N, C-alpha and C. Protein backbone atom coordinates (compact mmCIF):
# COMPACT_ATOMS: atom_id res chain seq x y z
N UNK A 1 86.44 82.20 170.27
CA UNK A 1 86.05 81.26 170.39
C UNK A 1 84.86 81.52 171.17
N UNK A 2 83.44 81.10 170.64
CA UNK A 2 82.28 80.91 171.11
C UNK A 2 82.17 80.18 172.44
N UNK A 3 81.19 80.71 173.37
CA UNK A 3 81.29 79.71 174.99
C UNK A 3 79.74 79.89 175.32
N UNK A 4 79.70 78.38 175.60
CA UNK A 4 78.04 79.44 176.75
C UNK A 4 78.51 79.68 178.14
N UNK A 5 77.86 81.17 178.43
CA UNK A 5 77.79 81.32 179.54
C UNK A 5 76.57 80.54 180.32
N UNK A 6 76.58 80.30 181.68
CA UNK A 6 75.75 79.86 182.47
C UNK A 6 75.05 81.16 183.39
N UNK A 7 74.11 82.13 183.68
CA UNK A 7 73.51 82.40 184.77
C UNK A 7 73.50 82.60 186.11
N UNK A 8 72.50 80.95 185.77
CA UNK A 8 71.93 80.92 186.67
C UNK A 8 70.91 78.97 186.47
N UNK A 9 70.80 78.62 187.64
CA UNK A 9 70.29 77.85 188.18
C UNK A 9 69.04 77.52 188.72
N UNK A 10 68.25 76.68 188.31
CA UNK A 10 66.65 76.40 189.15
C UNK A 10 66.07 75.09 188.95
N UNK A 11 65.29 74.38 190.09
CA UNK A 11 65.16 73.08 190.27
C UNK A 11 63.78 73.34 191.12
N UNK A 12 63.09 72.60 190.79
CA UNK A 12 61.55 72.25 191.17
C UNK A 12 61.18 70.65 191.54
N UNK A 13 60.90 70.20 192.25
CA UNK A 13 60.23 69.52 193.36
C UNK A 13 59.17 68.66 193.09
N UNK A 14 58.45 67.46 192.54
CA UNK A 14 57.12 67.12 192.60
C UNK A 14 57.39 65.70 193.45
N UNK A 15 56.71 66.13 194.57
CA UNK A 15 56.12 64.58 195.47
C UNK A 15 55.55 63.71 194.90
N UNK A 16 56.41 62.53 195.30
CA UNK A 16 55.74 61.03 194.76
C UNK A 16 54.54 60.88 195.08
N UNK A 17 54.60 60.85 196.50
CA UNK A 17 53.11 61.06 197.04
C UNK A 17 52.11 61.81 196.37
N UNK A 18 52.41 63.24 195.63
CA UNK A 18 51.49 63.86 195.53
C UNK A 18 51.05 63.31 193.70
N UNK A 19 51.80 62.73 193.02
CA UNK A 19 52.27 62.29 192.02
C UNK A 19 51.11 61.19 191.66
N UNK A 20 51.26 60.20 192.69
CA UNK A 20 50.74 58.60 193.25
C UNK A 20 49.53 59.14 193.45
N UNK A 21 48.69 59.74 193.54
CA UNK A 21 47.67 60.06 193.81
C UNK A 21 46.52 60.27 192.65
N UNK A 22 47.64 60.41 191.31
CA UNK A 22 46.73 60.50 190.30
C UNK A 22 46.59 59.32 189.39
N UNK A 23 47.75 58.33 189.40
CA UNK A 23 48.44 57.71 188.52
C UNK A 23 48.59 56.47 189.11
N UNK A 24 47.44 55.40 189.58
CA UNK A 24 48.29 54.31 190.62
C UNK A 24 48.96 52.89 189.57
N UNK A 25 48.90 53.46 188.45
CA UNK A 25 49.18 52.63 187.28
C UNK A 25 50.67 52.59 187.25
N UNK A 26 51.35 53.96 187.15
CA UNK A 26 53.00 54.12 186.81
C UNK A 26 52.70 54.46 188.62
N UNK A 27 53.49 54.06 189.57
CA UNK A 27 53.81 54.70 190.38
C UNK A 27 55.07 55.03 190.46
N UNK A 28 55.06 56.30 191.22
CA UNK A 28 56.22 57.19 191.52
C UNK A 28 57.47 56.87 192.49
N UNK A 29 58.04 55.76 192.73
CA UNK A 29 58.84 55.29 194.10
C UNK A 29 59.94 56.75 194.67
N UNK A 30 59.93 58.00 193.68
CA UNK A 30 61.09 58.46 194.40
C UNK A 30 60.51 59.98 194.03
N UNK A 31 60.43 61.28 194.56
CA UNK A 31 60.58 62.19 193.97
C UNK A 31 60.98 62.59 192.96
N UNK A 32 60.37 63.38 191.67
CA UNK A 32 60.82 63.65 190.48
C UNK A 32 60.70 65.12 190.08
N UNK A 33 61.76 65.82 189.46
CA UNK A 33 62.65 67.22 189.26
C UNK A 33 62.47 68.04 188.12
N UNK A 34 62.32 69.29 188.15
CA UNK A 34 62.66 69.41 186.70
C UNK A 34 63.66 70.46 186.60
N UNK A 35 64.87 70.46 186.15
CA UNK A 35 66.26 71.60 186.09
C UNK A 35 66.33 71.85 185.07
N UNK A 36 66.43 73.92 185.87
CA UNK A 36 66.59 74.30 184.65
C UNK A 36 67.92 75.31 184.71
N UNK A 37 68.26 75.79 182.71
CA UNK A 37 69.61 76.80 183.67
C UNK A 37 69.46 78.39 182.67
N UNK A 38 69.77 79.24 183.17
CA UNK A 38 69.90 80.18 182.34
C UNK A 38 71.02 80.88 181.66
N UNK A 39 71.11 80.72 180.15
CA UNK A 39 72.16 81.05 179.81
C UNK A 39 72.75 81.67 178.22
N UNK A 40 73.43 81.71 177.70
CA UNK A 40 73.61 82.17 176.65
C UNK A 40 74.98 82.55 176.04
N UNK A 41 75.13 82.55 174.58
CA UNK A 41 76.56 82.13 173.95
C UNK A 41 77.17 83.63 174.35
N UNK A 42 78.49 83.54 174.24
CA UNK A 42 79.54 85.45 175.02
C UNK A 42 79.21 85.83 174.39
N UNK A 43 79.11 85.65 172.68
CA UNK A 43 79.32 86.70 171.52
C UNK A 43 78.30 86.93 170.61
N UNK A 44 76.95 86.77 171.28
CA UNK A 44 75.48 87.17 171.10
C UNK A 44 75.01 88.12 172.12
N UNK A 45 74.89 89.69 171.31
CA UNK A 45 74.27 90.56 171.59
C UNK A 45 72.66 90.77 171.40
N UNK A 46 72.25 92.25 172.14
CA UNK A 46 71.08 92.25 171.48
C UNK A 46 71.64 94.01 171.91
N UNK A 47 71.47 94.73 171.34
CA UNK A 47 70.54 96.37 171.60
C UNK A 47 69.55 97.16 172.32
N UNK A 48 69.17 97.74 173.70
CA UNK A 48 68.22 98.00 173.75
C UNK A 48 68.65 99.57 173.87
N UNK A 49 67.32 100.12 174.87
CA UNK A 49 67.17 101.66 174.89
C UNK A 49 68.28 101.87 174.93
N UNK A 50 68.73 103.70 174.12
CA UNK A 50 69.97 104.30 174.43
C UNK A 50 70.93 103.47 173.66
N UNK A 51 71.02 102.90 172.64
CA UNK A 51 72.33 101.59 172.18
C UNK A 51 73.19 100.96 172.97
N UNK A 52 72.05 100.51 174.33
CA UNK A 52 73.46 99.95 175.02
C UNK A 52 73.03 98.07 174.63
N UNK A 53 73.96 97.60 174.61
CA UNK A 53 74.10 96.23 174.32
C UNK A 53 73.68 95.02 175.33
N UNK A 54 73.29 94.69 175.26
CA UNK A 54 73.14 93.05 176.29
C UNK A 54 73.50 92.10 176.06
N UNK A 55 73.98 91.16 176.36
CA UNK A 55 74.50 89.40 176.43
C UNK A 55 73.09 89.38 175.84
N UNK A 56 72.49 88.17 175.01
CA UNK A 56 71.17 87.77 175.02
C UNK A 56 71.04 86.42 175.97
N UNK A 57 70.40 86.00 176.80
CA UNK A 57 70.43 85.10 177.89
C UNK A 57 69.13 84.70 177.89
N UNK A 58 68.33 83.04 177.73
CA UNK A 58 67.91 82.61 178.22
C UNK A 58 67.01 81.12 178.92
N UNK A 59 66.11 80.76 179.23
CA UNK A 59 65.66 80.05 180.07
C UNK A 59 65.61 78.82 179.25
N UNK A 60 66.15 77.18 179.76
CA UNK A 60 66.00 75.93 179.00
C UNK A 60 65.94 75.00 180.03
N UNK A 61 64.90 74.12 179.66
CA UNK A 61 64.85 72.71 180.87
C UNK A 61 65.75 71.62 180.06
N UNK A 62 66.64 71.73 181.64
CA UNK A 62 67.68 70.73 180.68
C UNK A 62 67.69 69.16 181.56
N UNK A 63 66.75 68.98 182.71
CA UNK A 63 66.31 67.47 182.62
C UNK A 63 65.15 67.03 183.31
N UNK A 64 64.32 66.41 183.26
CA UNK A 64 63.51 65.97 184.18
C UNK A 64 63.52 64.50 184.48
N UNK A 65 63.26 64.17 185.33
CA UNK A 65 62.37 63.04 186.14
C UNK A 65 64.01 62.82 187.76
N UNK A 66 63.62 61.63 188.41
CA UNK A 66 64.38 61.61 189.94
C UNK A 66 66.18 62.11 189.82
N UNK A 67 66.39 62.68 190.82
CA UNK A 67 67.64 62.94 190.81
C UNK A 67 68.63 62.64 190.49
N UNK A 68 68.99 61.51 190.28
CA UNK A 68 70.19 60.53 189.81
C UNK A 68 69.88 60.77 188.08
N UNK A 69 68.81 61.03 187.69
CA UNK A 69 68.70 60.70 186.38
C UNK A 69 69.24 62.34 186.18
N UNK A 70 69.12 63.36 186.41
CA UNK A 70 68.80 64.52 186.22
C UNK A 70 70.12 64.88 186.08
N UNK A 71 71.21 64.75 187.62
CA UNK A 71 73.09 64.78 187.59
C UNK A 71 73.56 63.84 185.90
N UNK A 72 72.89 62.46 185.62
CA UNK A 72 73.70 62.35 184.84
C UNK A 72 73.43 63.40 183.63
N UNK A 73 72.59 64.14 182.97
CA UNK A 73 73.01 64.91 182.54
C UNK A 73 73.16 66.15 182.36
N UNK A 74 73.70 66.32 183.96
CA UNK A 74 74.24 67.78 184.59
C UNK A 74 76.24 67.40 183.99
N UNK A 75 76.30 65.88 184.30
CA UNK A 75 77.60 65.46 184.27
C UNK A 75 78.31 65.55 182.68
N UNK A 76 76.92 65.17 181.89
CA UNK A 76 76.87 64.71 180.55
C UNK A 76 77.32 66.45 179.86
N UNK A 77 76.92 67.14 180.27
CA UNK A 77 76.94 68.66 179.91
C UNK A 77 78.25 69.34 180.71
N UNK A 78 78.84 68.54 181.71
CA UNK A 78 79.56 69.35 182.46
C UNK A 78 81.07 68.72 181.32
N UNK A 79 81.19 68.29 180.60
CA UNK A 79 82.16 67.91 179.83
C UNK A 79 82.79 69.07 178.96
N UNK A 80 81.39 70.00 179.01
CA UNK A 80 82.18 70.61 177.81
C UNK A 80 82.76 71.58 178.45
N UNK A 81 82.92 72.28 179.90
CA UNK A 81 83.81 72.72 180.80
C UNK A 81 85.39 72.45 180.47
N UNK A 82 85.68 71.46 180.10
CA UNK A 82 87.07 70.99 180.34
C UNK A 82 87.65 71.71 178.90
N UNK A 83 86.44 72.24 177.67
CA UNK A 83 87.31 72.60 176.28
C UNK A 83 87.21 74.44 176.58
N UNK A 84 86.41 75.03 177.54
CA UNK A 84 86.49 75.97 177.16
C UNK A 84 85.09 76.79 176.89
N UNK A 85 84.02 75.31 176.38
CA UNK A 85 82.95 75.82 175.76
C UNK A 85 81.61 75.96 176.78
N UNK A 86 82.05 75.62 177.96
CA UNK A 86 80.78 75.86 179.35
C UNK A 86 81.47 76.54 180.18
N UNK A 87 80.76 78.09 180.56
CA UNK A 87 81.69 78.35 182.08
C UNK A 87 80.10 79.52 182.35
N UNK A 88 80.46 79.49 184.12
CA UNK A 88 80.06 80.20 184.62
C UNK A 88 79.88 81.74 183.60
N UNK A 89 79.28 82.48 184.22
CA UNK A 89 78.85 84.25 183.29
C UNK A 89 80.29 84.43 184.91
N UNK A 90 81.10 85.34 184.15
CA UNK A 90 82.03 85.66 185.33
C UNK A 90 83.34 84.95 185.54
N UNK A 91 83.34 84.37 185.24
CA UNK A 91 84.37 82.99 185.01
C UNK A 91 85.39 83.36 183.87
N UNK A 92 86.68 83.33 183.88
CA UNK A 92 87.58 82.91 182.49
C UNK A 92 87.83 81.41 182.67
N UNK A 93 87.44 80.36 183.31
CA UNK A 93 87.03 78.68 183.78
C UNK A 93 86.47 78.97 184.03
N UNK A 94 85.45 77.04 183.98
CA UNK A 94 85.06 76.72 184.83
C UNK A 94 85.55 75.14 184.77
N UNK A 95 85.76 74.60 186.20
CA UNK A 95 85.66 73.43 185.97
C UNK A 95 84.80 72.66 186.31
N UNK A 96 84.67 71.13 185.32
CA UNK A 96 83.41 70.21 185.43
C UNK A 96 83.19 70.17 186.70
N UNK A 97 84.30 70.08 187.57
CA UNK A 97 83.98 69.27 189.00
C UNK A 97 82.74 70.77 190.21
N UNK A 98 82.90 72.04 189.20
CA UNK A 98 82.36 73.29 190.06
C UNK A 98 80.68 72.99 189.26
N UNK A 99 81.17 73.07 188.06
CA UNK A 99 79.46 72.92 187.58
C UNK A 99 78.56 72.25 187.87
N UNK A 100 78.96 70.92 188.28
CA UNK A 100 78.56 69.84 188.96
C UNK A 100 77.66 70.13 190.12
N UNK A 101 78.96 71.24 190.85
CA UNK A 101 78.75 71.11 192.83
C UNK A 101 77.84 71.84 192.47
N UNK A 102 76.89 73.20 192.06
CA UNK A 102 76.68 73.95 192.13
C UNK A 102 75.29 73.40 191.46
N UNK A 103 75.37 72.61 190.77
CA UNK A 103 73.84 72.01 190.32
C UNK A 103 73.11 70.54 190.92
N UNK A 104 74.33 70.07 191.73
CA UNK A 104 73.84 69.19 193.06
C UNK A 104 73.02 69.93 193.80
N UNK A 105 74.16 71.44 194.38
CA UNK A 105 73.42 71.92 195.75
C UNK A 105 71.57 72.46 194.81
N UNK A 106 71.87 73.07 194.12
CA UNK A 106 70.46 73.89 193.24
C UNK A 106 68.91 72.89 193.23
N UNK A 107 69.97 71.23 192.84
CA UNK A 107 68.85 70.50 192.78
C UNK A 107 68.81 69.86 194.31
N UNK A 108 69.76 69.33 195.65
CA UNK A 108 69.14 70.02 196.97
C UNK A 108 68.59 70.85 197.46
N UNK A 109 68.30 72.30 196.50
CA UNK A 109 67.46 73.17 197.67
C UNK A 109 66.71 73.37 196.59
N UNK A 110 65.45 71.78 195.62
CA UNK A 110 64.47 72.59 195.10
C UNK A 110 62.67 72.91 195.64
N UNK A 111 62.55 73.57 194.81
CA UNK A 111 60.94 74.19 195.05
C UNK A 111 59.87 73.53 195.08
N UNK A 112 58.73 74.19 195.26
CA UNK A 112 57.91 73.70 194.87
C UNK A 112 57.55 74.22 193.72
N UNK A 113 56.58 73.93 192.70
CA UNK A 113 56.48 74.23 190.84
C UNK A 113 56.09 75.87 191.41
N UNK A 114 55.04 76.46 192.66
CA UNK A 114 54.18 77.42 192.64
C UNK A 114 55.44 78.65 193.31
N UNK A 115 56.22 78.45 194.01
CA UNK A 115 56.90 79.27 194.51
C UNK A 115 58.29 79.29 192.98
N UNK A 116 58.18 78.89 192.10
CA UNK A 116 59.63 78.90 191.41
C UNK A 116 58.14 80.25 190.12
N UNK A 117 57.26 79.19 190.04
CA UNK A 117 56.20 80.24 189.46
C UNK A 117 56.22 81.87 189.89
N UNK A 118 56.14 82.40 191.24
CA UNK A 118 55.60 83.15 191.73
C UNK A 118 57.12 83.69 191.45
N UNK A 119 58.05 83.47 191.57
CA UNK A 119 59.56 83.76 191.20
C UNK A 119 59.46 84.69 190.00
N UNK A 120 58.98 84.00 189.28
CA UNK A 120 59.05 84.58 187.89
C UNK A 120 59.30 83.42 186.57
N UNK A 121 59.15 82.05 186.83
CA UNK A 121 59.32 81.56 185.67
C UNK A 121 58.43 80.71 185.00
N UNK A 122 58.18 80.11 184.24
CA UNK A 122 57.08 79.01 183.94
C UNK A 122 57.13 78.49 182.60
N UNK A 123 56.92 76.91 182.44
CA UNK A 123 57.30 76.37 181.72
C UNK A 123 56.28 75.27 181.26
N UNK A 124 56.45 75.07 179.64
CA UNK A 124 55.26 74.46 178.99
C UNK A 124 55.76 73.39 178.07
N UNK A 125 55.28 71.89 177.75
CA UNK A 125 55.76 70.82 177.54
C UNK A 125 55.25 70.38 175.94
N UNK A 126 55.79 69.91 175.04
CA UNK A 126 55.25 69.46 174.22
C UNK A 126 55.96 67.94 173.89
N UNK A 127 55.13 66.72 174.02
CA UNK A 127 55.57 65.53 173.72
C UNK A 127 54.61 65.59 172.29
N UNK A 128 55.75 64.80 171.11
CA UNK A 128 54.86 64.83 169.42
C UNK A 128 55.73 63.43 169.13
N UNK A 129 54.84 62.49 168.52
CA UNK A 129 55.23 60.99 168.59
C UNK A 129 54.61 61.00 166.65
N UNK A 130 55.23 60.73 165.96
CA UNK A 130 54.88 60.53 164.61
C UNK A 130 54.71 58.71 164.04
N UNK A 131 53.59 58.22 163.81
CA UNK A 131 53.25 57.05 164.17
C UNK A 131 53.00 56.65 163.11
N UNK A 132 54.36 55.57 163.14
CA UNK A 132 54.83 54.72 161.41
C UNK A 132 54.33 53.46 161.38
N UNK A 133 55.16 52.99 160.88
CA UNK A 133 55.12 50.98 160.80
C UNK A 133 56.32 50.43 161.49
N UNK A 134 57.26 51.43 162.03
CA UNK A 134 58.42 51.16 162.87
C UNK A 134 58.52 51.40 164.20
N UNK A 135 57.00 51.64 164.62
CA UNK A 135 56.48 51.62 165.81
C UNK A 135 56.29 50.74 166.36
N UNK A 136 57.18 50.16 167.49
CA UNK A 136 56.61 48.69 168.20
C UNK A 136 55.30 48.39 168.51
N UNK A 137 54.85 47.64 169.25
CA UNK A 137 54.18 47.65 170.01
C UNK A 137 54.02 48.38 171.41
N UNK A 138 55.03 47.59 171.89
CA UNK A 138 55.00 48.43 173.18
C UNK A 138 55.23 49.82 173.09
N UNK A 139 55.65 50.38 172.14
CA UNK A 139 55.03 52.10 172.02
C UNK A 139 53.60 52.90 171.80
N UNK A 140 53.33 51.89 171.11
CA UNK A 140 51.70 52.00 170.24
C UNK A 140 51.17 51.92 171.41
N UNK A 141 51.58 50.85 172.51
CA UNK A 141 50.36 50.78 173.65
C UNK A 141 50.55 51.79 174.48
N UNK A 142 52.04 52.35 174.89
CA UNK A 142 52.08 53.72 175.76
C UNK A 142 51.00 54.75 175.07
N UNK A 143 51.41 54.87 173.79
CA UNK A 143 50.44 56.04 173.02
C UNK A 143 49.62 56.09 173.71
N UNK A 144 48.40 54.83 173.76
CA UNK A 144 47.48 54.44 173.58
C UNK A 144 46.98 55.20 174.73
N UNK A 145 48.19 54.87 176.16
CA UNK A 145 47.90 55.35 176.97
C UNK A 145 47.44 56.46 177.79
N UNK A 146 48.83 57.03 176.72
CA UNK A 146 48.62 58.90 177.05
C UNK A 146 47.44 59.30 176.62
N UNK A 147 46.94 58.81 175.35
CA UNK A 147 45.52 59.38 174.55
C UNK A 147 44.76 58.82 175.64
N UNK A 148 44.32 58.26 176.31
CA UNK A 148 43.37 57.58 177.48
C UNK A 148 43.18 59.11 178.85
N UNK A 149 44.80 58.93 178.43
CA UNK A 149 44.92 60.19 179.80
C UNK A 149 44.31 61.79 179.41
N UNK A 150 44.70 62.10 178.30
CA UNK A 150 44.75 63.16 177.06
C UNK A 150 44.78 63.00 176.09
N UNK A 151 43.56 64.02 175.69
CA UNK A 151 43.52 63.59 173.90
C UNK A 151 44.39 64.36 173.14
N UNK A 152 44.41 63.56 172.82
CA UNK A 152 46.00 64.36 171.38
C UNK A 152 45.36 65.24 170.44
N UNK A 153 46.47 66.28 170.29
CA UNK A 153 46.40 67.10 168.37
C UNK A 153 46.49 66.56 167.69
N UNK A 154 45.72 65.84 166.38
CA UNK A 154 46.55 65.17 165.15
C UNK A 154 46.39 65.66 163.98
N UNK A 155 47.65 65.66 163.57
CA UNK A 155 47.93 66.00 162.04
C UNK A 155 48.11 64.80 161.36
N UNK A 156 47.53 64.48 160.70
CA UNK A 156 47.89 62.60 159.86
C UNK A 156 48.25 61.71 160.71
N UNK A 157 49.93 61.66 160.71
CA UNK A 157 50.13 60.54 161.49
C UNK A 157 50.99 60.71 162.51
N UNK A 158 50.86 62.07 162.81
CA UNK A 158 51.65 63.24 163.73
C UNK A 158 50.53 63.23 165.71
N UNK A 159 50.74 62.32 166.46
CA UNK A 159 49.86 63.05 167.45
C UNK A 159 51.26 64.11 168.44
N UNK A 160 50.70 64.30 168.54
CA UNK A 160 51.23 65.89 169.75
C UNK A 160 50.18 66.20 171.28
N UNK A 161 50.87 66.45 172.15
CA UNK A 161 50.17 66.80 173.81
C UNK A 161 50.83 68.02 173.84
N UNK A 162 50.04 69.09 174.72
CA UNK A 162 50.71 70.15 175.02
C UNK A 162 50.21 70.12 176.70
N UNK A 163 51.50 70.29 177.42
CA UNK A 163 51.76 69.97 178.79
C UNK A 163 51.73 71.33 179.31
N UNK A 164 50.89 71.94 180.95
CA UNK A 164 51.69 72.99 181.92
C UNK A 164 52.17 72.20 182.90
N UNK A 165 53.10 71.38 183.00
CA UNK A 165 53.60 71.15 184.56
C UNK A 165 53.41 72.10 185.83
N UNK A 166 53.68 72.96 185.49
CA UNK A 166 53.58 74.19 186.44
C UNK A 166 52.47 74.61 187.16
N UNK A 167 51.27 73.86 185.99
CA UNK A 167 49.90 74.49 186.39
C UNK A 167 49.48 73.72 186.99
N UNK A 168 49.12 72.07 186.49
CA UNK A 168 48.58 70.81 186.66
C UNK A 168 49.29 69.62 187.06
N UNK A 169 48.94 68.76 188.24
CA UNK A 169 49.70 67.78 188.06
C UNK A 169 49.48 67.05 187.79
N UNK A 170 48.30 66.61 187.07
CA UNK A 170 48.02 65.31 186.10
C UNK A 170 49.17 66.02 184.72
N UNK A 171 49.46 66.78 184.59
CA UNK A 171 49.80 67.04 183.14
C UNK A 171 52.25 66.89 183.75
N UNK A 172 51.92 67.48 185.01
CA UNK A 172 53.54 66.62 185.12
C UNK A 172 53.38 65.81 185.38
N UNK A 173 52.36 64.56 185.56
CA UNK A 173 52.57 63.29 185.69
C UNK A 173 53.20 63.21 184.32
N UNK A 174 51.93 63.15 183.82
CA UNK A 174 51.81 62.56 182.52
C UNK A 174 53.61 62.60 181.64
N UNK A 175 54.41 64.28 181.86
CA UNK A 175 55.12 64.28 181.33
C UNK A 175 57.28 63.66 182.05
N UNK A 176 55.87 63.22 182.87
CA UNK A 176 57.13 62.41 183.41
C UNK A 176 57.29 60.91 183.20
N UNK A 177 55.90 60.32 183.33
CA UNK A 177 55.49 59.15 182.15
C UNK A 177 56.28 58.66 180.42
N UNK A 178 55.81 59.54 180.23
CA UNK A 178 55.48 59.51 178.79
C UNK A 178 56.30 60.57 177.88
N UNK A 179 56.97 61.40 178.51
CA UNK A 179 57.71 62.19 177.32
C UNK A 179 59.06 61.66 177.05
N UNK A 180 59.06 60.32 177.43
CA UNK A 180 60.28 59.88 176.20
C UNK A 180 59.73 59.15 174.75
N UNK A 181 58.36 58.97 175.07
CA UNK A 181 57.82 58.74 173.64
C UNK A 181 58.27 59.96 172.34
N UNK A 182 58.94 60.67 172.87
CA UNK A 182 59.34 62.34 172.08
C UNK A 182 60.77 61.87 172.16
N UNK A 183 61.36 61.37 171.15
CA UNK A 183 63.03 61.59 170.89
C UNK A 183 63.85 62.26 171.00
N UNK A 184 63.41 63.58 170.87
CA UNK A 184 64.14 65.04 170.78
C UNK A 184 64.74 65.14 172.32
N UNK A 185 65.62 66.16 172.56
CA UNK A 185 66.60 65.87 173.92
C UNK A 185 65.01 66.75 174.24
N UNK A 186 64.57 67.14 176.33
CA UNK A 186 64.01 67.82 176.41
C UNK A 186 64.34 68.89 176.43
N UNK A 187 65.04 69.75 176.02
CA UNK A 187 65.06 71.17 176.01
C UNK A 187 64.68 71.32 174.77
N UNK A 188 64.23 70.67 173.67
CA UNK A 188 63.55 70.92 172.02
C UNK A 188 61.87 70.53 172.90
N UNK A 189 61.88 70.44 173.20
CA UNK A 189 60.01 69.54 173.95
C UNK A 189 59.34 70.68 174.77
N UNK A 190 60.51 71.01 175.56
CA UNK A 190 60.05 72.65 176.04
C UNK A 190 59.97 74.27 175.86
N UNK A 191 59.33 74.62 176.39
CA UNK A 191 59.42 76.49 176.02
C UNK A 191 58.97 76.91 177.43
N UNK A 192 60.41 77.44 177.78
CA UNK A 192 60.82 78.15 179.28
C UNK A 192 60.40 79.98 179.00
N UNK A 193 59.66 80.11 179.57
CA UNK A 193 59.84 82.06 180.03
C UNK A 193 60.08 82.20 181.23
N UNK A 194 61.23 83.32 181.66
CA UNK A 194 61.72 83.98 182.53
C UNK A 194 62.11 85.15 182.79
N UNK A 195 62.53 85.64 183.86
CA UNK A 195 63.27 87.40 184.10
C UNK A 195 64.72 86.72 183.68
N UNK A 196 65.56 87.32 182.83
CA UNK A 196 66.33 87.08 182.49
C UNK A 196 67.85 87.96 183.10
N UNK A 197 67.27 88.63 183.26
CA UNK A 197 68.12 89.62 183.44
C UNK A 197 68.27 90.79 184.87
N UNK A 198 67.56 90.38 186.20
CA UNK A 198 67.11 90.31 187.52
C UNK A 198 68.78 90.21 188.06
N UNK A 199 68.64 90.71 188.89
CA UNK A 199 70.25 90.61 189.48
C UNK A 199 70.15 89.55 190.73
N UNK A 200 69.10 88.76 191.13
CA UNK A 200 68.97 88.34 192.48
C UNK A 200 68.92 87.02 191.41
N UNK A 201 69.66 85.44 191.87
CA UNK A 201 69.40 84.54 191.82
C UNK A 201 67.72 84.10 191.73
N UNK A 202 67.35 83.34 191.03
CA UNK A 202 65.87 83.35 191.21
C UNK A 202 65.28 82.34 192.03
N UNK A 203 66.22 81.23 192.50
CA UNK A 203 65.85 79.98 193.65
C UNK A 203 65.99 81.17 195.19
N UNK A 204 67.17 82.19 194.64
CA UNK A 204 66.40 83.23 196.42
C UNK A 204 65.65 83.55 195.60
N UNK A 205 65.16 84.14 194.98
CA UNK A 205 63.95 85.01 195.55
C UNK A 205 62.39 83.90 195.28
N UNK A 206 62.62 82.73 195.14
CA UNK A 206 61.48 81.70 195.57
C UNK A 206 61.47 81.71 196.90
N UNK A 207 62.56 81.00 197.18
CA UNK A 207 62.24 80.51 198.58
C UNK A 207 61.79 81.85 199.47
N UNK A 208 62.47 83.50 199.43
CA UNK A 208 62.31 84.49 199.91
C UNK A 208 60.91 84.70 200.05
N UNK A 209 59.82 84.42 198.66
CA UNK A 209 58.13 84.77 198.13
C UNK A 209 58.00 83.71 199.26
N UNK A 210 58.50 82.18 199.30
CA UNK A 210 58.04 81.21 200.22
C UNK A 210 57.42 81.72 201.43
N UNK A 211 58.63 82.25 201.82
CA UNK A 211 59.02 82.58 203.60
C UNK A 211 58.07 83.68 203.74
N UNK A 212 57.63 85.07 202.77
CA UNK A 212 56.72 85.75 203.13
C UNK A 212 55.57 85.24 203.01
N UNK A 213 55.34 84.70 202.78
CA UNK A 213 53.71 83.36 202.92
C UNK A 213 54.04 82.93 203.18
N UNK A 214 54.76 82.01 204.13
CA UNK A 214 54.42 81.74 205.57
C UNK A 214 54.58 82.76 206.60
N UNK A 215 55.01 83.94 206.63
CA UNK A 215 54.92 84.88 207.31
C UNK A 215 53.69 85.57 207.60
N UNK A 216 52.98 85.81 206.66
CA UNK A 216 51.97 86.10 205.92
C UNK A 216 51.45 87.53 205.94
N UNK A 217 52.92 88.27 205.53
CA UNK A 217 52.68 89.11 204.29
C UNK A 217 52.72 89.59 202.90
């Protein structure tokens, strides 16, 4: 049976005070987060130098928003543990509670975007909206708001915006406010790149690099 193996989690925090300096019309009442997972299929391998086979893995964006919104997503994903379709790499079986607990712990230790970027992770996100007669007035107004903040790329009746939340706080705020205009799942809107095969968890690398900066090394 095919299973998804989870190798690592990562989370970044955007402080509400920082986001609110950019958008007073859509105030943020709590810190916002991005939550990532490194994993891959248990029976999908690629051949490396010397004929060595290694399991394919990649980073995905699992959720954006407040901490409780992230955890809602995590609980949904965790249900796959019960049937053996999701487990941590190295485990024969992972309880849903264990998956949720580790995700909550990672979210609680969320770092600044720059720290995770310096540790080797980056993410871009695209919001795509097809304007049609079925679009309600509220959705049309929200699209026009987004266009007033950032010009859209237009192809016929399809509008798209490319965002770089790691590097631009304005882009991060736009992502949190308007990403729901795109009805796809968040992991289908994002392109995540990072180191997939290092032995050290990326959150540890991010914290270690942050401590090195603070100590002046």
